C-alpha atoms as a PDB file:
ATOM      1  CA  MET A   1     -43.651  23.466  45.952  1.00  0.00           C
ATOM      2  CA  ALA A   2     -39.910  23.360  46.260  1.00  0.00           C
ATOM      3  CA  ALA A   3     -38.028  20.218  45.484  1.00  0.00           C
ATOM      4  CA  THR A   4     -36.425  18.726  48.524  1.00  0.00           C
ATOM      5  CA  THR A   5     -32.932  17.441  48.266  1.00  0.00           C
ATOM      6  CA  THR A   6     -31.372  14.907  50.493  1.00  0.00           C
ATOM      7  CA  PRO A   7     -27.757  15.088  51.381  1.00  0.00           C
ATOM      8  CA  ALA A   8     -25.613  12.577  49.544  1.00  0.00           C
ATOM      9  CA  THR A   9     -25.103   9.558  51.678  1.00  0.00           C
ATOM     10  CA  ARG A  10     -21.545   8.764  52.382  1.00  0.00           C
ATOM     11  CA  SER A  11     -20.490   5.143  52.248  1.00  0.00           C
ATOM     12  CA  THR A  12     -19.133   3.871  55.538  1.00  0.00           C
ATOM     13  CA  ARG A  13     -17.378   0.985  53.821  1.00  0.00           C
ATOM     14  CA  ARG A  14     -13.652   1.303  53.638  1.00  0.00           C
ATOM     15  CA  PRO A  15     -11.687  -0.158  50.764  1.00  0.00           C
ATOM     16  CA  ALA A  16      -9.884  -3.381  51.489  1.00  0.00           C
ATOM     17  CA  PRO A  17      -6.275  -2.831  52.517  1.00  0.00           C
ATOM     18  CA  LYS A  18      -3.771  -3.353  49.761  1.00  0.00           C
ATOM     19  CA  THR A  19      -1.710  -6.438  50.253  1.00  0.00           C
ATOM     20  CA  THR A  20       1.950  -6.141  49.553  1.00  0.00           C
ATOM     21  CA  LYS A  21       3.928  -8.978  48.131  1.00  0.00           C
ATOM     22  CA  PRO A  22       7.310  -9.678  49.636  1.00  0.00           C
ATOM     23  CA  SER A  23      10.158  -8.164  47.701  1.00  0.00           C
ATOM     24  CA  LEU A  24      11.650 -10.671  45.303  1.00  0.00           C
ATOM     25  CA  ARG A  25      14.465  -8.433  44.185  1.00  0.00           C
ATOM     26  CA  PRO A  26      17.830 -10.179  44.093  1.00  0.00           C
ATOM     27  CA  LEU A  27      20.481  -9.061  46.508  1.00  0.00           C
ATOM     28  CA  ARG A  28      22.950  -6.534  45.249  1.00  0.00           C
ATOM     29  CA  ALA A  29      26.460  -7.782  44.615  1.00  0.00           C
ATOM     30  CA  ASP A  30      27.837  -5.586  47.402  1.00  0.00           C
ATOM     31  CA  ALA A  31      25.312  -7.118  49.819  1.00  0.00           C
ATOM     32  CA  VAL A  32      26.449 -10.583  48.768  1.00  0.00           C
ATOM     33  CA  ALA A  33      30.076  -9.597  49.192  1.00  0.00           C
ATOM     34  CA  ALA A  34      29.310  -8.544  52.770  1.00  0.00           C
ATOM     35  CA  VAL A  35      27.874 -12.002  53.545  1.00  0.00           C
ATOM     36  CA  ILE A  36      30.769 -14.114  52.287  1.00  0.00           C
ATOM     37  CA  ASP A  37      34.317 -14.121  53.570  1.00  0.00           C
ATOM     38  CA  PRO A  38      36.249 -11.848  51.183  1.00  0.00           C
ATOM     39  CA  ASP A  39      39.136 -14.312  50.887  1.00  0.00           C
ATOM     40  CA  HIS A  40      36.771 -17.150  49.952  1.00  0.00           C
ATOM     41  CA  ARG A  41      34.994 -14.951  47.375  1.00  0.00           C
ATOM     42  CA  ARG A  42      38.348 -13.905  45.884  1.00  0.00           C
ATOM     43  CA  ALA A  43      39.446 -17.554  45.658  1.00  0.00           C
ATOM     44  CA  LEU A  44      36.232 -18.508  43.832  1.00  0.00           C
ATOM     45  CA  ILE A  45      36.691 -15.632  41.394  1.00  0.00           C
ATOM     46  CA  ALA A  46      40.348 -16.528  40.788  1.00  0.00           C
ATOM     47  CA  GLN A  47      39.464 -20.165  40.104  1.00  0.00           C
ATOM     48  CA  ILE A  48      36.739 -19.294  37.600  1.00  0.00           C
ATOM     49  CA  ALA A  49      38.944 -16.653  35.928  1.00  0.00           C
ATOM     50  CA  TYR A  50      41.700 -19.264  35.585  1.00  0.00           C
ATOM     51  CA  TYR A  51      39.335 -21.741  33.927  1.00  0.00           C
ATOM     52  CA  ARG A  52      38.135 -19.038  31.526  1.00  0.00           C
ATOM     53  CA  ALA A  53      41.727 -18.258  30.548  1.00  0.00           C
ATOM     54  CA  GLU A  54      42.515 -21.960  30.207  1.00  0.00           C
ATOM     55  CA  ARG A  55      39.579 -22.487  27.807  1.00  0.00           C
ATOM     56  CA  ARG A  56      40.939 -19.660  25.683  1.00  0.00           C
ATOM     57  CA  GLY A  57      44.461 -21.126  25.647  1.00  0.00           C
ATOM     58  CA  PHE A  58      45.833 -18.451  28.011  1.00  0.00           C
ATOM     59  CA  GLU A  59      45.874 -15.781  25.291  1.00  0.00           C
ATOM     60  CA  PRO A  60      47.384 -12.622  26.767  1.00  0.00           C
ATOM     61  CA  GLY A  61      45.403  -9.418  27.145  1.00  0.00           C
ATOM     62  CA  HIS A  62      42.183 -10.845  28.582  1.00  0.00           C
ATOM     63  CA  ASP A  63      43.041 -10.818  32.290  1.00  0.00           C
ATOM     64  CA  ALA A  64      40.646  -8.049  33.303  1.00  0.00           C
ATOM     65  CA  GLU A  65      37.853  -9.439  31.141  1.00  0.00           C
ATOM     66  CA  ASP A  66      38.278 -12.905  32.694  1.00  0.00           C
ATOM     67  CA  TRP A  67      38.339 -11.475  36.222  1.00  0.00           C
ATOM     68  CA  LEU A  68      35.288  -9.247  35.771  1.00  0.00           C
ATOM     69  CA  SER A  69      33.286 -12.027  34.120  1.00  0.00           C
ATOM     70  CA  ALA A  70      34.246 -14.438  36.888  1.00  0.00           C
ATOM     71  CA  GLU A  71      33.345 -11.852  39.523  1.00  0.00           C
ATOM     72  CA  ALA A  72      29.892 -11.373  38.002  1.00  0.00           C
ATOM     73  CA  GLU A  73      29.408 -15.140  37.769  1.00  0.00           C
ATOM     74  CA  VAL A  74      30.369 -15.724  41.416  1.00  0.00           C
ATOM     75  CA  ASP A  75      28.205 -12.867  42.712  1.00  0.00           C
ATOM     76  CA  THR A  76      25.222 -14.074  40.678  1.00  0.00           C
ATOM     77  CA  ALA A  77      25.666 -17.646  41.864  1.00  0.00           C
ATOM     78  CA  LEU A  78      25.960 -16.526  45.479  1.00  0.00           C
ATOM     79  CA  THR A  79      22.912 -14.282  45.169  1.00  0.00           C
ATOM     80  CA  LEU A  80      20.819 -17.088  43.719  1.00  0.00           C
ATOM     81  CA  GLY A  81      22.100 -19.536  46.323  1.00  0.00           C
ATOM     82  CA  VAL A  82      23.831 -21.783  43.808  1.00  0.00           C
ATOM     83  CA  MET A  83      27.177 -21.619  45.630  1.00  0.00           C
ATOM     84  CA  LYS A  84      27.838 -21.990  49.306  1.00  0.00           C
ATOM     85  CA  SER A  85      29.129 -18.842  50.958  1.00  0.00           C
ATOM     86  CA  GLY A  86      31.713 -20.767  52.963  1.00  0.00           C
ATOM     87  CA  ASN A  87      30.901 -19.013  56.245  1.00  0.00           C
END
């Protein structure tokens, strides 16, 4: 007597669809710069750079450092919605 085999039954259940969470990545600085008026952004950066230099007693040789730090601060604040874009 031969053993009878039954074909493997295939499940008709499908896996639940994967849910995707909305992207919570912050905006890139260049995306933020496109949203705000360039003149307003530049004015905010200049003001913050000035205050940085003032706190340091206006020591020469730190202009670029002050500007780049202020630029990063403004772009971060705009990305997080801390500052108004002025549009």
